[in-house]
Amino acid sequence: MAMLMVNVAALVAIAMLVVAAPPLTEAAISCGQVVQSLTPCLGYVQGGGVGPVPAPCCSGIKQLNSAAKTTPDRQAACKCLKSLVGSYPGFAGTAAAMPGKCGVKIPYKISSSIDCSKIK
């Protein structure tokens, strides 16, 4: 239970830092929205990505993908995801596999080393 509280507190802290960051150029998607959409995925990622991705997690991934309609939106979402996986390096592989397991195709691989400026 204590580990869960630490992880939730870390996620909230990251969300607060990301929301307080200067806005990205013309993107309609904020990092707060990215974190909110992916919060249902936290348990799955912490569990190592074993088994099927929970339906609420897939729903959040699909919602986020649908919201990223423009290049600035996709780049903003990419930067937020890059920051999140950079904060939790052990979760990068699980996070990168989730969209595909949910039947969602995104135009980049989620990783802490991606150059989000190249996303179109």
PDB file of N, CA and C in Angstrom:
ATOM      1  N   MET A   1       0.829  -1.183   0.000  1.00  0.00           N
ATOM      2  CA  MET A   1       0.000   0.000   0.000  1.00  0.00           C
ATOM      3  C   MET A   1       0.875   1.249   0.000  1.00  0.00           C
ATOM      4  N   ALA A   2       1.970   1.214   0.774  1.00  0.00           N
ATOM      5  CA  ALA A   2       2.856   2.369   0.831  1.00  0.00           C
ATOM      6  C   ALA A   2       3.493   2.632  -0.523  1.00  0.00           C
ATOM      7  N   MET A   3       3.851   1.559  -1.247  1.00  0.00           N
ATOM      8  CA  MET A   3       4.454   1.706  -2.575  1.00  0.00           C
ATOM      9  C   MET A   3       3.465   2.354  -3.532  1.00  0.00           C
ATOM     10  N   LEU A   4       2.207   1.962  -3.447  1.00  0.00           N
ATOM     11  CA  LEU A   4       1.173   2.540  -4.299  1.00  0.00           C
ATOM     12  C   LEU A   4       1.035   4.030  -4.014  1.00  0.00           C
ATOM     13  N   MET A   5       1.040   4.397  -2.740  1.00  0.00           N
ATOM     14  CA  MET A   5       0.923   5.810  -2.362  1.00  0.00           C
ATOM     15  C   MET A   5       2.116   6.610  -2.885  1.00  0.00           C
ATOM     16  N   VAL A   6       3.311   6.036  -2.832  1.00  0.00           N
ATOM     17  CA  VAL A   6       4.503   6.711  -3.341  1.00  0.00           C
ATOM     18  C   VAL A   6       4.377   6.903  -4.854  1.00  0.00           C
ATOM     19  N   ASN A   7       3.925   5.869  -5.570  1.00  0.00           N
ATOM     20  CA  ASN A   7       3.770   5.982  -7.018  1.00  0.00           C
ATOM     21  C   ASN A   7       2.692   6.973  -7.398  1.00  0.00           C
ATOM     22  N   VAL A   8       1.577   6.972  -6.677  1.00  0.00           N
ATOM     23  CA  VAL A   8       0.512   7.932  -6.956  1.00  0.00           C
ATOM     24  C   VAL A   8       1.015   9.344  -6.667  1.00  0.00           C
ATOM     25  N   ALA A   9       1.726   9.517  -5.576  1.00  0.00           N
ATOM     26  CA  ALA A   9       2.268  10.830  -5.244  1.00  0.00           C
ATOM     27  C   ALA A   9       3.262  11.285  -6.324  1.00  0.00           C
ATOM     28  N   ALA A  10       4.062  10.377  -6.828  1.00  0.00           N
ATOM     29  CA  ALA A  10       5.015  10.726  -7.883  1.00  0.00           C
ATOM     30  C   ALA A  10       4.282  11.117  -9.156  1.00  0.00           C
ATOM     31  N   LEU A  11       3.227  10.402  -9.499  1.00  0.00           N
ATOM     32  CA  LEU A  11       2.443  10.723 -10.688  1.00  0.00           C
ATOM     33  C   LEU A  11       1.801  12.094 -10.547  1.00  0.00           C
ATOM     34  N   VAL A  12       1.261  12.397  -9.369  1.00  0.00           N
ATOM     35  CA  VAL A  12       0.653  13.711  -9.126  1.00  0.00           C
ATOM     36  C   VAL A  12       1.714  14.805  -9.212  1.00  0.00           C
ATOM     37  N   ALA A  13       2.889  14.558  -8.659  1.00  0.00           N
ATOM     38  CA  ALA A  13       3.967  15.544  -8.717  1.00  0.00           C
ATOM     39  C   ALA A  13       4.392  15.810 -10.159  1.00  0.00           C
ATOM     40  N   ILE A  14       4.500  14.754 -10.944  1.00  0.00           N
ATOM     41  CA  ILE A  14       4.867  14.921 -12.355  1.00  0.00           C
ATOM     42  C   ILE A  14       3.789  15.715 -13.076  1.00  0.00           C
ATOM     43  N   ALA A  15       2.543  15.367 -12.815  1.00  0.00           N
ATOM     44  CA  ALA A  15       1.436  16.086 -13.465  1.00  0.00           C
ATOM     45  C   ALA A  15       1.470  17.560 -13.114  1.00  0.00           C
ATOM     46  N   MET A  16       1.755  17.868 -11.854  1.00  0.00           N
ATOM     47  CA  MET A  16       1.807  19.269 -11.438  1.00  0.00           C
ATOM     48  C   MET A  16       2.958  19.994 -12.124  1.00  0.00           C
ATOM     49  N   LEU A  17       4.106  19.346 -12.225  1.00  0.00           N
ATOM     50  CA  LEU A  17       5.251  19.965 -12.897  1.00  0.00           C
ATOM     51  C   LEU A  17       4.965  20.192 -14.373  1.00  0.00           C
ATOM     52  N   VAL A  18       4.350  19.205 -14.997  1.00  0.00           N
ATOM     53  CA  VAL A  18       4.085  19.297 -16.421  1.00  0.00           C
ATOM     54  C   VAL A  18       3.017  20.342 -16.705  1.00  0.00           C
ATOM     55  N   VAL A  19       1.994  20.403 -15.866  1.00  0.00           N
ATOM     56  CA  VAL A  19       0.938  21.387 -16.064  1.00  0.00           C
ATOM     57  C   VAL A  19       1.480  22.794 -15.846  1.00  0.00           C
ATOM     58  N   ALA A  20       2.419  22.950 -14.934  1.00  0.00           N
ATOM     59  CA  ALA A  20       2.982  24.265 -14.655  1.00  0.00           C
ATOM     60  C   ALA A  20       4.010  24.700 -15.696  1.00  0.00           C
ATOM     61  N   ALA A  21       4.423  23.784 -16.561  1.00  0.00           N
ATOM     62  CA  ALA A  21       5.413  24.114 -17.594  1.00  0.00           C
ATOM     63  C   ALA A  21       4.810  25.095 -18.593  1.00  0.00           C
ATOM     64  N   PRO A  22       5.654  25.874 -19.283  1.00  0.00           N
ATOM     65  CA  PRO A  22       5.148  26.800 -20.276  1.00  0.00           C
ATOM     66  C   PRO A  22       4.405  26.050 -21.377  1.00  0.00           C
ATOM     67  N   PRO A  23       3.347  26.642 -21.910  1.00  0.00           N
ATOM     68  CA  PRO A  23       2.573  25.952 -22.934  1.00  0.00           C
ATOM     69  C   PRO A  23       3.377  25.717 -24.200  1.00  0.00           C
ATOM     70  N   LEU A  24       3.070  24.612 -24.865  1.00  0.00           N
ATOM     71  CA  LEU A  24       3.704  24.298 -26.133  1.00  0.00           C
ATOM     72  C   LEU A  24       2.991  25.085 -27.227  1.00  0.00           C
ATOM     73  N   THR A  25       3.667  25.371 -28.301  1.00  0.00           N
ATOM     74  CA  THR A  25       3.103  26.194 -29.347  1.00  0.00           C
ATOM     75  C   THR A  25       1.858  25.575 -29.963  1.00  0.00           C
ATOM     76  N   GLU A  26       0.771  26.259 -29.821  1.00  0.00           N
ATOM     77  CA  GLU A  26      -0.495  25.978 -30.469  1.00  0.00           C
ATOM     78  C   GLU A  26      -1.065  24.578 -30.244  1.00  0.00           C
ATOM     79  N   ALA A  27      -0.570  23.849 -29.302  1.00  0.00           N
ATOM     80  CA  ALA A  27      -1.102  22.517 -29.053  1.00  0.00           C
ATOM     81  C   ALA A  27      -2.345  22.628 -28.176  1.00  0.00           C
ATOM     82  N   ALA A  28      -3.360  21.885 -28.543  1.00  0.00           N
ATOM     83  CA  ALA A  28      -4.588  21.876 -27.762  1.00  0.00           C
ATOM     84  C   ALA A  28      -4.507  20.867 -26.626  1.00  0.00           C
ATOM     85  N   ILE A  29      -3.558  19.945 -26.702  1.00  0.00           N
ATOM     86  CA  ILE A  29      -3.408  18.909 -25.683  1.00  0.00           C
ATOM     87  C   ILE A  29      -2.383  19.357 -24.648  1.00  0.00           C
ATOM     88  N   SER A  30      -2.769  19.246 -23.384  1.00  0.00           N
ATOM     89  CA  SER A  30      -1.843  19.588 -22.305  1.00  0.00           C
ATOM     90  C   SER A  30      -1.302  18.304 -21.686  1.00  0.00           C
ATOM     91  N   CYS A  31      -0.205  18.432 -20.972  1.00  0.00           N
ATOM     92  CA  CYS A  31       0.345  17.268 -20.281  1.00  0.00           C
ATOM     93  C   CYS A  31      -0.604  16.788 -19.192  1.00  0.00           C
ATOM     94  N   GLY A  32      -1.356  17.700 -18.627  1.00  0.00           N
ATOM     95  CA  GLY A  32      -2.364  17.307 -17.649  1.00  0.00           C
ATOM     96  C   GLY A  32      -3.388  16.372 -18.267  1.00  0.00           C
ATOM     97  N   GLN A  33      -3.798  16.646 -19.508  1.00  0.00           N
ATOM     98  CA  GLN A  33      -4.741  15.772 -20.203  1.00  0.00           C
ATOM     99  C   GLN A  33      -4.113  14.409 -20.489  1.00  0.00           C
ATOM    100  N   VAL A  34      -2.841  14.415 -20.862  1.00  0.00           N
ATOM    101  CA  VAL A  34      -2.147  13.157 -21.135  1.00  0.00           C
ATOM    102  C   VAL A  34      -2.115  12.301 -19.863  1.00  0.00           C
ATOM    103  N   VAL A  35      -1.720  12.911 -18.766  1.00  0.00           N
ATOM    104  CA  VAL A  35      -1.651  12.179 -17.491  1.00  0.00           C
ATOM    105  C   VAL A  35      -3.035  11.682 -17.088  1.00  0.00           C
ATOM    106  N   GLN A  36      -4.050  12.530 -17.223  1.00  0.00           N
ATOM    107  CA  GLN A  36      -5.414  12.134 -16.857  1.00  0.00           C
ATOM    108  C   GLN A  36      -5.885  10.956 -17.709  1.00  0.00           C
ATOM    109  N   SER A  37      -5.596  11.002 -19.005  1.00  0.00           N
ATOM    110  CA  SER A  37      -6.010   9.914 -19.899  1.00  0.00           C
ATOM    111  C   SER A  37      -5.326   8.601 -19.551  1.00  0.00           C
ATOM    112  N   LEU A  38      -4.077   8.687 -19.094  1.00  0.00           N
ATOM    113  CA  LEU A  38      -3.292   7.480 -18.859  1.00  0.00           C
ATOM    114  C   LEU A  38      -3.277   7.009 -17.406  1.00  0.00           C
ATOM    115  N   THR A  39      -3.907   7.735 -16.509  1.00  0.00           N
ATOM    116  CA  THR A  39      -3.942   7.329 -15.105  1.00  0.00           C
ATOM    117  C   THR A  39      -4.507   5.921 -14.922  1.00  0.00           C
ATOM    118  N   PRO A  40      -5.550   5.510 -15.684  1.00  0.00           N
ATOM    119  CA  PRO A  40      -6.038   4.131 -15.524  1.00  0.00           C
ATOM    120  C   PRO A  40      -5.013   3.060 -15.916  1.00  0.00           C
ATOM    121  N   CYS A  41      -3.918   3.467 -16.541  1.00  0.00           N
ATOM    122  CA  CYS A  41      -2.887   2.517 -16.975  1.00  0.00           C
ATOM    123  C   CYS A  41      -1.817   2.287 -15.908  1.00  0.00           C
ATOM    124  N   LEU A  42      -1.834   3.077 -14.859  1.00  0.00           N
ATOM    125  CA  LEU A  42      -0.764   3.041 -13.864  1.00  0.00           C
ATOM    126  C   LEU A  42      -0.575   1.648 -13.261  1.00  0.00           C
ATOM    127  N   GLY A  43      -1.648   1.009 -12.840  1.00  0.00           N
ATOM    128  CA  GLY A  43      -1.536  -0.322 -12.244  1.00  0.00           C
ATOM    129  C   GLY A  43      -0.985  -1.350 -13.214  1.00  0.00           C
ATOM    130  N   TYR A  44      -1.413  -1.260 -14.461  1.00  0.00           N
ATOM    131  CA  TYR A  44      -0.933  -2.193 -15.490  1.00  0.00           C
ATOM    132  C   TYR A  44       0.574  -2.022 -15.711  1.00  0.00           C
ATOM    133  N   VAL A  45       1.017  -0.779 -15.802  1.00  0.00           N
ATOM    134  CA  VAL A  45       2.442  -0.509 -16.011  1.00  0.00           C
ATOM    135  C   VAL A  45       3.251  -0.958 -14.800  1.00  0.00           C
ATOM    136  N   GLN A  46       2.759  -0.657 -13.607  1.00  0.00           N
ATOM    137  CA  GLN A  46       3.465  -1.066 -12.383  1.00  0.00           C
ATOM    138  C   GLN A  46       3.543  -2.579 -12.259  1.00  0.00           C
ATOM    139  N   GLY A  47       2.550  -3.281 -12.812  1.00  0.00           N
ATOM    140  CA  GLY A  47       2.534  -4.739 -12.768  1.00  0.00           C
ATOM    141  C   GLY A  47       3.373  -5.385 -13.855  1.00  0.00           C
ATOM    142  N   GLY A  48       4.078  -4.574 -14.635  1.00  0.00           N
ATOM    143  CA  GLY A  48       4.971  -5.106 -15.659  1.00  0.00           C
ATOM    144  C   GLY A  48       4.302  -5.421 -16.980  1.00  0.00           C
ATOM    145  N   GLY A  49       3.059  -5.008 -17.141  1.00  0.00           N
ATOM    146  CA  GLY A  49       2.379  -5.221 -18.418  1.00  0.00           C
ATOM    147  C   GLY A  49       1.966  -6.654 -18.660  1.00  0.00           C
ATOM    148  N   VAL A  50       1.691  -7.376 -17.588  1.00  0.00           N
ATOM    149  CA  VAL A  50       1.299  -8.781 -17.710  1.00  0.00           C
ATOM    150  C   VAL A  50      -0.200  -8.862 -17.990  1.00  0.00           C
ATOM    151  N   GLY A  51      -0.566  -9.689 -18.957  1.00  0.00           N
ATOM    152  CA  GLY A  51      -1.975  -9.895 -19.279  1.00  0.00           C
ATOM    153  C   GLY A  51      -2.508  -8.810 -20.195  1.00  0.00           C
ATOM    154  N   PRO A  52      -3.814  -8.838 -20.404  1.00  0.00           N
ATOM    155  CA  PRO A  52      -4.410  -7.838 -21.295  1.00  0.00           C
ATOM    156  C   PRO A  52      -4.422  -6.459 -20.639  1.00  0.00           C
ATOM    157  N   VAL A  53      -4.366  -5.450 -21.467  1.00  0.00           N
ATOM    158  CA  VAL A  53      -4.439  -4.077 -20.967  1.00  0.00           C
ATOM    159  C   VAL A  53      -5.874  -3.842 -20.487  1.00  0.00           C
ATOM    160  N   PRO A  54      -6.058  -3.287 -19.287  1.00  0.00           N
ATOM    161  CA  PRO A  54      -7.411  -3.042 -18.785  1.00  0.00           C
ATOM    162  C   PRO A  54      -8.202  -2.114 -19.714  1.00  0.00           C
ATOM    163  N   ALA A  55      -9.493  -2.364 -19.822  1.00  0.00           N
ATOM    164  CA  ALA A  55     -10.357  -1.573 -20.702  1.00  0.00           C
ATOM    165  C   ALA A  55     -10.297  -0.075 -20.416  1.00  0.00           C
ATOM    166  N   PRO A  56     -10.302   0.380 -19.153  1.00  0.00           N
ATOM    167  CA  PRO A  56     -10.224   1.823 -18.917  1.00  0.00           C
ATOM    168  C   PRO A  56      -8.903   2.435 -19.432  1.00  0.00           C
ATOM    169  N   CYS A  57      -7.838   1.669 -19.366  1.00  0.00           N
ATOM    170  CA  CYS A  57      -6.544   2.123 -19.881  1.00  0.00           C
ATOM    171  C   CYS A  57      -6.630   2.273 -21.399  1.00  0.00           C
ATOM    172  N   CYS A  58      -7.133   1.249 -22.080  1.00  0.00           N
ATOM    173  CA  CYS A  58      -7.278   1.326 -23.544  1.00  0.00           C
ATOM    174  C   CYS A  58      -8.189   2.477 -23.944  1.00  0.00           C
ATOM    175  N   SER A  59      -9.224   2.690 -23.174  1.00  0.00           N
ATOM    176  CA  SER A  59     -10.139   3.798 -23.448  1.00  0.00           C
ATOM    177  C   SER A  59      -9.391   5.130 -23.369  1.00  0.00           C
ATOM    178  N   GLY A  60      -8.551   5.290 -22.361  1.00  0.00           N
ATOM    179  CA  GLY A  60      -7.758   6.511 -22.212  1.00  0.00           C
ATOM    180  C   GLY A  60      -6.779   6.697 -23.355  1.00  0.00           C
ATOM    181  N   ILE A  61      -6.145   5.605 -23.782  1.00  0.00           N
ATOM    182  CA  ILE A  61      -5.208   5.662 -24.905  1.00  0.00           C
ATOM    183  C   ILE A  61      -5.936   6.070 -26.182  1.00  0.00           C
ATOM    184  N   LYS A  62      -7.104   5.473 -26.404  1.00  0.00           N
ATOM    185  CA  LYS A  62      -7.891   5.800 -27.599  1.00  0.00           C
ATOM    186  C   LYS A  62      -8.366   7.245 -27.566  1.00  0.00           C
ATOM    187  N   GLN A  63      -8.778   7.703 -26.399  1.00  0.00           N
ATOM    188  CA  GLN A  63      -9.233   9.090 -26.241  1.00  0.00           C
ATOM    189  C   GLN A  63      -8.083  10.053 -26.526  1.00  0.00           C
ATOM    190  N   LEU A  64      -6.924   9.764 -25.992  1.00  0.00           N
ATOM    191  CA  LEU A  64      -5.757  10.618 -26.211  1.00  0.00           C
ATOM    192  C   LEU A  64      -5.369  10.631 -27.685  1.00  0.00           C
ATOM    193  N   ASN A  65      -5.368   9.475 -28.318  1.00  0.00           N
ATOM    194  CA  ASN A  65      -5.021   9.391 -29.736  1.00  0.00           C
ATOM    195  C   ASN A  65      -6.017  10.187 -30.587  1.00  0.00           C
ATOM    196  N   SER A  66      -7.288  10.107 -30.266  1.00  0.00           N
ATOM    197  CA  SER A  66      -8.312  10.846 -31.003  1.00  0.00           C
ATOM    198  C   SER A  66      -8.169  12.352 -30.810  1.00  0.00           C
ATOM    199  N   ALA A  67      -7.730  12.766 -29.634  1.00  0.00           N
ATOM    200  CA  ALA A  67      -7.578  14.190 -29.346  1.00  0.00           C
ATOM    201  C   ALA A  67      -6.367  14.792 -30.055  1.00  0.00           C
ATOM    202  N   ALA A  68      -5.390  13.962 -30.402  1.00  0.00           N
ATOM    203  CA  ALA A  68      -4.151  14.446 -31.041  1.00  0.00           C
ATOM    204  C   ALA A  68      -4.356  14.522 -32.550  1.00  0.00           C
ATOM    205  N   LYS A  69      -5.099  15.525 -32.993  1.00  0.00           N
ATOM    206  CA  LYS A  69      -5.474  15.639 -34.401  1.00  0.00           C
ATOM    207  C   LYS A  69      -4.451  16.389 -35.247  1.00  0.00           C
ATOM    208  N   THR A  70      -3.714  17.286 -34.642  1.00  0.00           N
ATOM    209  CA  THR A  70      -2.778  18.128 -35.400  1.00  0.00           C
ATOM    210  C   THR A  70      -1.341  17.770 -35.053  1.00  0.00           C
ATOM    211  N   THR A  71      -0.418  18.229 -35.879  1.00  0.00           N
ATOM    212  CA  THR A  71       1.006  18.001 -35.600  1.00  0.00           C
ATOM    213  C   THR A  71       1.406  18.579 -34.244  1.00  0.00           C
ATOM    214  N   PRO A  72       1.026  19.833 -33.900  1.00  0.00           N
ATOM    215  CA  PRO A  72       1.384  20.335 -32.567  1.00  0.00           C
ATOM    216  C   PRO A  72       0.795  19.491 -31.438  1.00  0.00           C
ATOM    217  N   ASP A  73      -0.430  18.964 -31.635  1.00  0.00           N
ATOM    218  CA  ASP A  73      -1.037  18.091 -30.623  1.00  0.00           C
ATOM    219  C   ASP A  73      -0.219  16.816 -30.448  1.00  0.00           C
ATOM    220  N   ARG A  74       0.142  16.189 -31.567  1.00  0.00           N
ATOM    221  CA  ARG A  74       0.915  14.938 -31.498  1.00  0.00           C
ATOM    222  C   ARG A  74       2.294  15.187 -30.887  1.00  0.00           C
ATOM    223  N   GLN A  75       2.902  16.321 -31.229  1.00  0.00           N
ATOM    224  CA  GLN A  75       4.211  16.635 -30.654  1.00  0.00           C
ATOM    225  C   GLN A  75       4.097  16.909 -29.159  1.00  0.00           C
ATOM    226  N   ALA A  76       3.033  17.595 -28.753  1.00  0.00           N
ATOM    227  CA  ALA A  76       2.832  17.869 -27.322  1.00  0.00           C
ATOM    228  C   ALA A  76       2.612  16.571 -26.554  1.00  0.00           C
ATOM    229  N   ALA A  77       1.768  15.693 -27.088  1.00  0.00           N
ATOM    230  CA  ALA A  77       1.532  14.402 -26.426  1.00  0.00           C
ATOM    231  C   ALA A  77       2.833  13.606 -26.354  1.00  0.00           C
ATOM    232  N   CYS A  78       3.602  13.619 -27.432  1.00  0.00           N
ATOM    233  CA  CYS A  78       4.887  12.920 -27.471  1.00  0.00           C
ATOM    234  C   CYS A  78       5.817  13.436 -26.371  1.00  0.00           C
ATOM    235  N   LYS A  79       5.904  14.761 -26.238  1.00  0.00           N
ATOM    236  CA  LYS A  79       6.792  15.343 -25.221  1.00  0.00           C
ATOM    237  C   LYS A  79       6.365  14.941 -23.811  1.00  0.00           C
ATOM    238  N   CYS A  80       5.060  14.909 -23.586  1.00  0.00           N
ATOM    239  CA  CYS A  80       4.564  14.501 -22.265  1.00  0.00           C
ATOM    240  C   CYS A  80       4.882  13.035 -21.991  1.00  0.00           C
ATOM    241  N   LEU A  81       4.629  12.186 -22.985  1.00  0.00           N
ATOM    242  CA  LEU A  81       4.916  10.755 -22.832  1.00  0.00           C
ATOM    243  C   LEU A  81       6.413  10.518 -22.645  1.00  0.00           C
ATOM    244  N   LYS A  82       7.212  11.245 -23.391  1.00  0.00           N
ATOM    245  CA  LYS A  82       8.673  11.129 -23.274  1.00  0.00           C
ATOM    246  C   LYS A  82       9.105  11.481 -21.856  1.00  0.00           C
ATOM    247  N   SER A  83       8.536  12.541 -21.326  1.00  0.00           N
ATOM    248  CA  SER A  83       8.864  12.963 -19.967  1.00  0.00           C
ATOM    249  C   SER A  83       8.434  11.914 -18.944  1.00  0.00           C
ATOM    250  N   LEU A  84       7.243  11.363 -19.125  1.00  0.00           N
ATOM    251  CA  LEU A  84       6.750  10.355 -18.186  1.00  0.00           C
ATOM    252  C   LEU A  84       7.615   9.101 -18.196  1.00  0.00           C
ATOM    253  N   VAL A  85       7.943   8.563 -19.380  1.00  0.00           N
ATOM    254  CA  VAL A  85       8.763   7.349 -19.414  1.00  0.00           C
ATOM    255  C   VAL A  85      10.191   7.643 -18.974  1.00  0.00           C
ATOM    256  N   GLY A  86      10.648   8.886 -19.163  1.00  0.00           N
ATOM    257  CA  GLY A  86      11.977   9.263 -18.679  1.00  0.00           C
ATOM    258  C   GLY A  86      12.039   9.277 -17.162  1.00  0.00           C
ATOM    259  N   SER A  87      10.905   9.568 -16.528  1.00  0.00           N
ATOM    260  CA  SER A  87      10.835   9.589 -15.066  1.00  0.00           C
ATOM    261  C   SER A  87      10.759   8.187 -14.475  1.00  0.00           C
ATOM    262  N   TYR A  88      10.282   7.236 -15.274  1.00  0.00           N
ATOM    263  CA  TYR A  88      10.145   5.842 -14.836  1.00  0.00           C
ATOM    264  C   TYR A  88      10.777   4.926 -15.881  1.00  0.00           C
ATOM    265  N   PRO A  89      12.117   4.894 -15.969  1.00  0.00           N
ATOM    266  CA  PRO A  89      12.792   4.145 -17.041  1.00  0.00           C
ATOM    267  C   PRO A  89      12.406   2.673 -17.134  1.00  0.00           C
ATOM    268  N   GLY A  90      12.119   2.037 -16.051  1.00  0.00           N
ATOM    269  CA  GLY A  90      11.767   0.622 -16.084  1.00  0.00           C
ATOM    270  C   GLY A  90      10.421   0.346 -16.737  1.00  0.00           C
ATOM    271  N   PHE A  91       9.623   1.378 -16.908  1.00  0.00           N
ATOM    272  CA  PHE A  91       8.288   1.212 -17.469  1.00  0.00           C
ATOM    273  C   PHE A  91       8.226   1.504 -18.959  1.00  0.00           C
ATOM    274  N   ALA A  92       9.319   1.937 -19.571  1.00  0.00           N
ATOM    275  CA  ALA A  92       9.308   2.379 -20.971  1.00  0.00           C
ATOM    276  C   ALA A  92       8.822   1.289 -21.921  1.00  0.00           C
ATOM    277  N   GLY A  93       9.313   0.073 -21.763  1.00  0.00           N
ATOM    278  CA  GLY A  93       8.916  -1.014 -22.662  1.00  0.00           C
ATOM    279  C   GLY A  93       7.437  -1.337 -22.560  1.00  0.00           C
ATOM    280  N   THR A  94       6.933  -1.377 -21.346  1.00  0.00           N
ATOM    281  CA  THR A  94       5.513  -1.651 -21.134  1.00  0.00           C
ATOM    282  C   THR A  94       4.675  -0.530 -21.722  1.00  0.00           C
ATOM    283  N   ALA A  95       5.074   0.710 -21.483  1.00  0.00           N
ATOM    284  CA  ALA A  95       4.338   1.865 -22.007  1.00  0.00           C
ATOM    285  C   ALA A  95       4.341   1.873 -23.533  1.00  0.00           C
ATOM    286  N   ALA A  96       5.461   1.526 -24.137  1.00  0.00           N
ATOM    287  CA  ALA A  96       5.570   1.525 -25.596  1.00  0.00           C
ATOM    288  C   ALA A  96       4.669   0.476 -26.230  1.00  0.00           C
ATOM    289  N   ALA A  97       4.432  -0.618 -25.535  1.00  0.00           N
ATOM    290  CA  ALA A  97       3.618  -1.706 -26.090  1.00  0.00           C
ATOM    291  C   ALA A  97       2.117  -1.492 -25.915  1.00  0.00           C
ATOM    292  N   MET A  98       1.716  -0.635 -24.998  1.00  0.00           N
ATOM    293  CA  MET A  98       0.291  -0.485 -24.679  1.00  0.00           C
ATOM    294  C   MET A  98      -0.571  -0.039 -25.859  1.00  0.00           C
ATOM    295  N   PRO A  99      -0.191   0.976 -26.626  1.00  0.00           N
ATOM    296  CA  PRO A  99      -1.081   1.364 -27.730  1.00  0.00           C
ATOM    297  C   PRO A  99      -1.391   0.203 -28.681  1.00  0.00           C
ATOM    298  N   GLY A 100      -0.382  -0.538 -29.078  1.00  0.00           N
ATOM    299  CA  GLY A 100      -0.591  -1.672 -29.975  1.00  0.00           C
ATOM    300  C   GLY A 100      -1.493  -2.729 -29.367  1.00  0.00           C
ATOM    301  N   LYS A 101      -1.333  -3.002 -28.065  1.00  0.00           N
ATOM    302  CA  LYS A 101      -2.176  -3.986 -27.393  1.00  0.00           C
ATOM    303  C   LYS A 101      -3.627  -3.521 -27.314  1.00  0.00           C
ATOM    304  N   CYS A 102      -3.830  -2.211 -27.433  1.00  0.00           N
ATOM    305  CA  CYS A 102      -5.186  -1.646 -27.403  1.00  0.00           C
ATOM    306  C   CYS A 102      -5.727  -1.418 -28.809  1.00  0.00           C
ATOM    307  N   GLY A 103      -4.964  -1.809 -29.825  1.00  0.00           N
ATOM    308  CA  GLY A 103      -5.409  -1.623 -31.199  1.00  0.00           C
ATOM    309  C   GLY A 103      -5.284  -0.194 -31.694  1.00  0.00           C
ATOM    310  N   VAL A 104      -4.391   0.569 -31.084  1.00  0.00           N
ATOM    311  CA  VAL A 104      -4.190   1.968 -31.463  1.00  0.00           C
ATOM    312  C   VAL A 104      -2.828   2.110 -32.119  1.00  0.00           C
ATOM    313  N   LYS A 105      -2.805   2.736 -33.280  1.00  0.00           N
ATOM    314  CA  LYS A 105      -1.540   2.994 -33.966  1.00  0.00           C
ATOM    315  C   LYS A 105      -1.169   4.461 -33.751  1.00  0.00           C
ATOM    316  N   ILE A 106       0.004   4.668 -33.181  1.00  0.00           N
ATOM    317  CA  ILE A 106       0.497   6.033 -33.025  1.00  0.00           C
ATOM    318  C   ILE A 106       1.729   6.175 -33.923  1.00  0.00           C
ATOM    319  N   PRO A 107       2.004   7.397 -34.386  1.00  0.00           N
ATOM    320  CA  PRO A 107       3.071   7.583 -35.378  1.00  0.00           C
ATOM    321  C   PRO A 107       4.492   7.618 -34.817  1.00  0.00           C
ATOM    322  N   TYR A 108       4.702   7.062 -33.634  1.00  0.00           N
ATOM    323  CA  TYR A 108       6.039   7.026 -33.041  1.00  0.00           C
ATOM    324  C   TYR A 108       6.063   5.980 -31.944  1.00  0.00           C
ATOM    325  N   LYS A 109       7.270   5.570 -31.567  1.00  0.00           N
ATOM    326  CA  LYS A 109       7.444   4.631 -30.458  1.00  0.00           C
ATOM    327  C   LYS A 109       7.662   5.448 -29.188  1.00  0.00           C
ATOM    328  N   ILE A 110       6.917   5.134 -28.171  1.00  0.00           N
ATOM    329  CA  ILE A 110       7.072   5.828 -26.892  1.00  0.00           C
ATOM    330  C   ILE A 110       8.424   5.451 -26.307  1.00  0.00           C
ATOM    331  N   SER A 111       9.258   6.465 -26.106  1.00  0.00           N
ATOM    332  CA  SER A 111      10.595   6.230 -25.571  1.00  0.00           C
ATOM    333  C   SER A 111      11.137   7.524 -25.000  1.00  0.00           C
ATOM    334  N   SER A 112      12.107   7.410 -24.116  1.00  0.00           N
ATOM    335  CA  SER A 112      12.711   8.606 -23.523  1.00  0.00           C
ATOM    336  C   SER A 112      13.730   9.248 -24.462  1.00  0.00           C
ATOM    337  N   SER A 113      14.006   8.620 -25.595  1.00  0.00           N
ATOM    338  CA  SER A 113      15.001   9.171 -26.517  1.00  0.00           C
ATOM    339  C   SER A 113      14.405   9.678 -27.828  1.00  0.00           C
ATOM    340  N   ILE A 114      13.092   9.651 -27.976  1.00  0.00           N
ATOM    341  CA  ILE A 114      12.469  10.084 -29.221  1.00  0.00           C
ATOM    342  C   ILE A 114      12.617  11.599 -29.416  1.00  0.00           C
ATOM    343  N   ASP A 115      12.776  12.000 -30.656  1.00  0.00           N
ATOM    344  CA  ASP A 115      12.828  13.419 -31.014  1.00  0.00           C
ATOM    345  C   ASP A 115      11.409  13.818 -31.423  1.00  0.00           C
ATOM    346  N   CYS A 116      10.676  14.373 -30.503  1.00  0.00           N
ATOM    347  CA  CYS A 116       9.253  14.695 -30.726  1.00  0.00           C
ATOM    348  C   CYS A 116       9.059  15.779 -31.800  1.00  0.00           C
ATOM    349  N   SER A 117      10.091  16.554 -32.046  1.00  0.00           N
ATOM    350  CA  SER A 117       9.960  17.609 -33.076  1.00  0.00           C
ATOM    351  C   SER A 117       9.829  17.018 -34.468  1.00  0.00           C
ATOM    352  N   LYS A 118      10.171  15.746 -34.643  1.00  0.00           N
ATOM    353  CA  LYS A 118      10.078  15.094 -35.945  1.00  0.00           C
ATOM    354  C   LYS A 118       8.728  14.425 -36.168  1.00  0.00           C
ATOM    355  N   ILE A 119       7.860  14.442 -35.163  1.00  0.00           N
ATOM    356  CA  ILE A 119       6.537  13.850 -35.291  1.00  0.00           C
ATOM    357  C   ILE A 119       5.673  14.772 -36.149  1.00  0.00           C
ATOM    358  N   LYS A 120       5.005  14.198 -37.117  1.00  0.00           N
ATOM    359  CA  LYS A 120       4.139  15.001 -38.002  1.00  0.00           C
ATOM    360  C   LYS A 120       2.694  14.689 -37.768  1.00  0.00           C
TER     361      LYS A 120
END
